[in-house]
Amino acid sequence: MSLSVEQNTCDGKLTIPSSSAVSSLRIIFIHISDLKAFERRLTEVIASVQPATRRWRMSLALVFVCVAVGACYWLQDPDLYKISLFQSLFRHPLFSVSAIVLSKV
C-alpha cells in the first residue's frame, strides 16, 4: 500500500492511495491534533495551579516544623511519665494543635 502520490516511470500512470489509507491518515491527524490540544490545555492548568500548590507546600512545611519542635519539647518534659496523656497534651499546646492541623491536612 502506497501512502504517497507517485508517478510510475514505466507507464506514466499516477498511483493514488486507496480511500482506506486516506481515511487512516485523517484519523491519525485528528488524534495528533487532539493530543496537541490536550497537552496545551494541561500545560495551562498546571501553570494556573502552581501558586496554590506553593502556598500549600509552605503551609504544610510550617505545620510540620511546629509538630517537630513541639514533639521535641514534649518529649523533653521531665513530668511526661508522671502525668496523664491529656494533661501532657494540654501542657504542650504547640504540639497538640499542630498535630491536629497536620492530621486534618
N, C-alpha and C. Protein backbone atom coordinates (compact mmCIF):
# COMPACT_ATOMS: atom_id res chain seq x y z
N MET A 1 0.86 -1.18 0.00
CA MET A 1 0.00 0.00 0.00
C MET A 1 0.89 1.23 0.00
N SER A 2 0.69 2.11 -0.93
CA SER A 2 1.47 3.32 -1.04
C SER A 2 0.69 4.47 -0.42
N LEU A 3 1.39 5.26 0.45
CA LEU A 3 0.71 6.37 1.11
C LEU A 3 1.00 7.71 0.45
N SER A 4 1.85 7.72 -0.54
CA SER A 4 2.14 8.97 -1.23
C SER A 4 1.77 8.86 -2.70
N VAL A 5 1.60 10.01 -3.30
CA VAL A 5 1.27 10.03 -4.72
C VAL A 5 2.58 9.88 -5.49
N GLU A 6 2.68 8.83 -6.28
CA GLU A 6 3.91 8.57 -7.02
C GLU A 6 3.58 8.39 -8.50
N GLN A 7 4.50 8.75 -9.32
CA GLN A 7 4.31 8.54 -10.75
C GLN A 7 5.15 7.33 -11.15
N ASN A 8 4.51 6.39 -11.78
CA ASN A 8 5.19 5.19 -12.25
C ASN A 8 5.93 5.54 -13.53
N THR A 9 7.25 5.33 -13.55
CA THR A 9 8.05 5.73 -14.70
C THR A 9 7.86 4.83 -15.90
N CYS A 10 7.40 3.62 -15.67
CA CYS A 10 7.25 2.68 -16.79
C CYS A 10 6.08 3.05 -17.70
N ASP A 11 4.93 3.29 -17.10
CA ASP A 11 3.76 3.52 -17.95
C ASP A 11 3.20 4.94 -17.81
N GLY A 12 3.82 5.79 -17.00
CA GLY A 12 3.38 7.17 -16.89
C GLY A 12 2.09 7.36 -16.13
N LYS A 13 1.64 6.35 -15.38
CA LYS A 13 0.39 6.46 -14.63
C LYS A 13 0.68 6.96 -13.22
N LEU A 14 -0.28 7.64 -12.66
CA LEU A 14 -0.20 8.18 -11.32
C LEU A 14 -0.83 7.20 -10.34
N THR A 15 -0.10 6.86 -9.26
CA THR A 15 -0.63 5.94 -8.26
C THR A 15 -1.20 6.77 -7.11
N ILE A 16 -2.48 6.63 -6.83
CA ILE A 16 -3.16 7.38 -5.78
C ILE A 16 -3.48 6.42 -4.64
N PRO A 17 -3.22 6.83 -3.40
CA PRO A 17 -3.51 5.94 -2.28
C PRO A 17 -4.99 5.60 -2.20
N SER A 18 -5.27 4.43 -1.66
CA SER A 18 -6.66 3.99 -1.56
C SER A 18 -7.42 4.85 -0.55
N SER A 19 -8.74 4.76 -0.60
CA SER A 19 -9.57 5.57 0.30
C SER A 19 -9.39 5.15 1.75
N SER A 20 -9.11 3.88 2.00
CA SER A 20 -8.89 3.44 3.38
C SER A 20 -7.60 4.02 3.93
N ALA A 21 -6.57 4.15 3.08
CA ALA A 21 -5.32 4.76 3.53
C ALA A 21 -5.52 6.24 3.84
N VAL A 22 -6.30 6.92 3.02
CA VAL A 22 -6.57 8.35 3.25
C VAL A 22 -7.37 8.53 4.54
N SER A 23 -8.36 7.67 4.74
CA SER A 23 -9.15 7.80 5.96
C SER A 23 -8.30 7.48 7.19
N SER A 24 -7.37 6.52 7.07
CA SER A 24 -6.47 6.22 8.18
C SER A 24 -5.58 7.41 8.49
N LEU A 25 -5.10 8.08 7.46
CA LEU A 25 -4.27 9.26 7.67
C LEU A 25 -5.07 10.38 8.34
N ARG A 26 -6.32 10.54 7.95
CA ARG A 26 -7.17 11.56 8.58
C ARG A 26 -7.37 11.26 10.06
N ILE A 27 -7.62 10.00 10.37
CA ILE A 27 -7.82 9.61 11.77
C ILE A 27 -6.56 9.87 12.58
N ILE A 28 -5.40 9.52 12.02
CA ILE A 28 -4.13 9.78 12.71
C ILE A 28 -3.94 11.27 12.92
N PHE A 29 -4.23 12.08 11.90
CA PHE A 29 -4.09 13.53 12.02
C PHE A 29 -5.01 14.08 13.10
N ILE A 30 -6.23 13.57 13.17
CA ILE A 30 -7.18 14.03 14.20
C ILE A 30 -6.67 13.67 15.59
N HIS A 31 -6.13 12.44 15.75
CA HIS A 31 -5.60 12.03 17.04
C HIS A 31 -4.41 12.90 17.46
N ILE A 32 -3.53 13.21 16.51
CA ILE A 32 -2.38 14.06 16.81
C ILE A 32 -2.85 15.45 17.20
N SER A 33 -3.83 15.97 16.51
CA SER A 33 -4.37 17.30 16.84
C SER A 33 -4.99 17.30 18.23
N ASP A 34 -5.73 16.23 18.55
CA ASP A 34 -6.34 16.14 19.88
C ASP A 34 -5.28 16.06 20.97
N LEU A 35 -4.22 15.30 20.72
CA LEU A 35 -3.14 15.18 21.71
C LEU A 35 -2.44 16.51 21.93
N LYS A 36 -2.22 17.25 20.85
CA LYS A 36 -1.59 18.56 20.98
C LYS A 36 -2.48 19.53 21.75
N ALA A 37 -3.77 19.51 21.49
CA ALA A 37 -4.70 20.37 22.21
C ALA A 37 -4.75 19.98 23.69
N PHE A 38 -4.76 18.68 23.96
CA PHE A 38 -4.76 18.21 25.35
C PHE A 38 -3.49 18.65 26.07
N GLU A 39 -2.35 18.55 25.40
CA GLU A 39 -1.09 18.96 26.01
C GLU A 39 -1.09 20.46 26.31
N ARG A 40 -1.60 21.27 25.39
CA ARG A 40 -1.67 22.72 25.64
C ARG A 40 -2.57 23.03 26.83
N ARG A 41 -3.72 22.38 26.90
CA ARG A 41 -4.65 22.62 28.00
C ARG A 41 -4.07 22.15 29.33
N LEU A 42 -3.41 21.02 29.32
CA LEU A 42 -2.78 20.51 30.54
C LEU A 42 -1.68 21.46 31.02
N THR A 43 -0.91 22.00 30.11
CA THR A 43 0.12 22.98 30.46
C THR A 43 -0.51 24.23 31.08
N GLU A 44 -1.62 24.69 30.53
CA GLU A 44 -2.31 25.86 31.08
C GLU A 44 -2.81 25.59 32.50
N VAL A 45 -3.40 24.42 32.71
CA VAL A 45 -3.94 24.09 34.02
C VAL A 45 -2.83 23.99 35.05
N ILE A 46 -1.74 23.35 34.70
CA ILE A 46 -0.62 23.22 35.64
C ILE A 46 -0.04 24.59 35.97
N ALA A 47 0.08 25.45 34.98
CA ALA A 47 0.61 26.79 35.23
C ALA A 47 -0.31 27.60 36.14
N SER A 48 -1.61 27.40 36.03
CA SER A 48 -2.53 28.17 36.87
C SER A 48 -2.62 27.62 38.29
N VAL A 49 -2.25 26.36 38.50
CA VAL A 49 -2.34 25.74 39.82
C VAL A 49 -1.08 25.95 40.64
N GLN A 50 0.03 26.32 40.03
CA GLN A 50 1.30 26.41 40.74
C GLN A 50 1.29 27.37 41.92
N PRO A 51 0.70 28.57 41.87
CA PRO A 51 0.70 29.43 43.07
C PRO A 51 -0.02 28.80 44.25
N ALA A 52 -1.13 28.14 44.02
CA ALA A 52 -1.85 27.50 45.12
C ALA A 52 -1.04 26.34 45.69
N THR A 53 -0.37 25.61 44.83
CA THR A 53 0.46 24.50 45.28
C THR A 53 1.61 25.00 46.14
N ARG A 54 2.19 26.11 45.76
CA ARG A 54 3.30 26.69 46.54
C ARG A 54 2.82 27.09 47.93
N ARG A 55 1.62 27.67 48.02
CA ARG A 55 1.08 28.05 49.34
C ARG A 55 0.81 26.83 50.20
N TRP A 56 0.27 25.76 49.61
CA TRP A 56 0.02 24.54 50.38
C TRP A 56 1.31 23.91 50.86
N ARG A 57 2.33 23.93 50.03
CA ARG A 57 3.62 23.37 50.45
C ARG A 57 4.21 24.16 51.60
N MET A 58 4.12 25.47 51.53
CA MET A 58 4.64 26.31 52.63
C MET A 58 3.85 26.07 53.91
N SER A 59 2.54 25.98 53.80
CA SER A 59 1.71 25.72 54.98
C SER A 59 2.02 24.36 55.58
N LEU A 60 2.17 23.37 54.75
CA LEU A 60 2.49 22.03 55.23
C LEU A 60 3.87 22.00 55.89
N ALA A 61 4.84 22.68 55.31
CA ALA A 61 6.17 22.74 55.90
C ALA A 61 6.13 23.44 57.26
N LEU A 62 5.38 24.52 57.38
CA LEU A 62 5.27 25.23 58.65
C LEU A 62 4.63 24.36 59.72
N VAL A 63 3.57 23.67 59.38
CA VAL A 63 2.90 22.80 60.35
C VAL A 63 3.82 21.64 60.73
N PHE A 64 4.56 21.10 59.78
CA PHE A 64 5.49 20.01 60.08
C PHE A 64 6.57 20.46 61.05
N VAL A 65 7.12 21.66 60.84
CA VAL A 65 8.14 22.19 61.75
C VAL A 65 7.55 22.40 63.14
N CYS A 66 6.32 22.91 63.21
CA CYS A 66 5.68 23.09 64.51
C CYS A 66 5.48 21.75 65.23
N VAL A 67 5.09 20.72 64.51
CA VAL A 67 4.93 19.40 65.11
C VAL A 67 6.28 18.89 65.61
N ALA A 68 7.32 19.04 64.80
CA ALA A 68 8.64 18.54 65.18
C ALA A 68 9.18 19.27 66.42
N VAL A 69 9.06 20.59 66.44
CA VAL A 69 9.54 21.36 67.60
C VAL A 69 8.70 21.04 68.83
N GLY A 70 7.39 20.99 68.65
CA GLY A 70 6.51 20.66 69.77
C GLY A 70 6.78 19.26 70.32
N ALA A 71 7.07 18.32 69.44
CA ALA A 71 7.38 16.95 69.89
C ALA A 71 8.68 16.92 70.67
N CYS A 72 9.67 17.68 70.24
CA CYS A 72 10.94 17.74 70.99
C CYS A 72 10.71 18.28 72.40
N TYR A 73 9.98 19.39 72.51
CA TYR A 73 9.68 19.95 73.84
C TYR A 73 8.83 18.98 74.66
N TRP A 74 7.90 18.34 74.03
CA TRP A 74 7.02 17.41 74.74
C TRP A 74 7.80 16.22 75.28
N LEU A 75 8.70 15.67 74.46
CA LEU A 75 9.48 14.51 74.91
C LEU A 75 10.55 14.87 75.93
N GLN A 76 10.97 16.13 75.97
CA GLN A 76 11.97 16.56 76.94
C GLN A 76 11.35 16.97 78.27
N ASP A 77 10.04 16.96 78.36
CA ASP A 77 9.36 17.34 79.60
C ASP A 77 9.65 16.27 80.67
N PRO A 78 10.21 16.70 81.83
CA PRO A 78 10.54 15.73 82.88
C PRO A 78 9.29 15.12 83.54
N ASP A 79 8.16 15.79 83.47
CA ASP A 79 6.94 15.28 84.09
C ASP A 79 6.10 14.43 83.15
N LEU A 80 6.65 14.09 81.97
CA LEU A 80 5.90 13.35 80.96
C LEU A 80 5.40 12.01 81.50
N TYR A 81 6.21 11.33 82.27
CA TYR A 81 5.83 10.00 82.74
C TYR A 81 5.01 10.04 84.02
N LYS A 82 4.85 11.22 84.63
CA LYS A 82 4.14 11.33 85.90
C LYS A 82 2.69 11.77 85.73
N ILE A 83 2.37 12.34 84.59
CA ILE A 83 1.02 12.87 84.38
C ILE A 83 0.33 12.08 83.26
N SER A 84 -0.98 12.28 83.14
CA SER A 84 -1.73 11.56 82.11
C SER A 84 -1.46 12.17 80.73
N LEU A 85 -1.87 11.45 79.72
CA LEU A 85 -1.67 11.90 78.34
C LEU A 85 -2.40 13.21 78.09
N PHE A 86 -3.64 13.32 78.54
CA PHE A 86 -4.43 14.54 78.29
C PHE A 86 -3.83 15.74 79.01
N GLN A 87 -3.33 15.56 80.22
CA GLN A 87 -2.67 16.66 80.92
C GLN A 87 -1.39 17.07 80.19
N SER A 88 -0.66 16.08 79.71
CA SER A 88 0.57 16.37 78.98
C SER A 88 0.28 17.12 77.68
N LEU A 89 -0.73 16.69 76.96
CA LEU A 89 -1.09 17.40 75.72
C LEU A 89 -1.61 18.80 76.01
N PHE A 90 -2.30 18.98 77.12
CA PHE A 90 -2.78 20.30 77.50
C PHE A 90 -1.62 21.22 77.86
N ARG A 91 -0.56 20.68 78.43
CA ARG A 91 0.61 21.48 78.80
C ARG A 91 1.48 21.82 77.60
N HIS A 92 1.29 21.15 76.49
CA HIS A 92 2.08 21.41 75.27
C HIS A 92 1.15 21.71 74.11
N PRO A 93 0.58 22.92 74.10
CA PRO A 93 -0.42 23.25 73.08
C PRO A 93 0.17 23.35 71.66
N LEU A 94 1.45 23.73 71.53
CA LEU A 94 2.05 23.83 70.19
C LEU A 94 2.00 22.46 69.51
N PHE A 95 2.39 21.44 70.22
CA PHE A 95 2.36 20.09 69.64
C PHE A 95 0.93 19.63 69.41
N SER A 96 0.07 19.86 70.37
CA SER A 96 -1.30 19.37 70.26
C SER A 96 -2.03 19.99 69.06
N VAL A 97 -1.97 21.30 68.97
CA VAL A 97 -2.69 22.00 67.89
C VAL A 97 -2.09 21.67 66.53
N SER A 98 -0.76 21.71 66.44
CA SER A 98 -0.14 21.46 65.14
C SER A 98 -0.32 20.00 64.71
N ALA A 99 -0.35 19.07 65.64
CA ALA A 99 -0.60 17.67 65.27
C ALA A 99 -2.03 17.49 64.76
N ILE A 100 -2.97 18.18 65.37
CA ILE A 100 -4.37 18.12 64.90
C ILE A 100 -4.49 18.72 63.51
N VAL A 101 -3.85 19.87 63.31
CA VAL A 101 -3.89 20.52 61.99
C VAL A 101 -3.23 19.61 60.94
N LEU A 102 -2.10 19.01 61.28
CA LEU A 102 -1.41 18.13 60.34
C LEU A 102 -2.27 16.90 60.00
N SER A 103 -3.00 16.40 60.96
CA SER A 103 -3.83 15.23 60.69
C SER A 103 -5.03 15.59 59.81
N LYS A 104 -5.48 16.84 59.83
CA LYS A 104 -6.61 17.28 59.01
C LYS A 104 -6.19 17.64 57.60
N VAL A 105 -4.93 17.97 57.41
CA VAL A 105 -4.43 18.34 56.08
C VAL A 105 -4.18 17.09 55.34
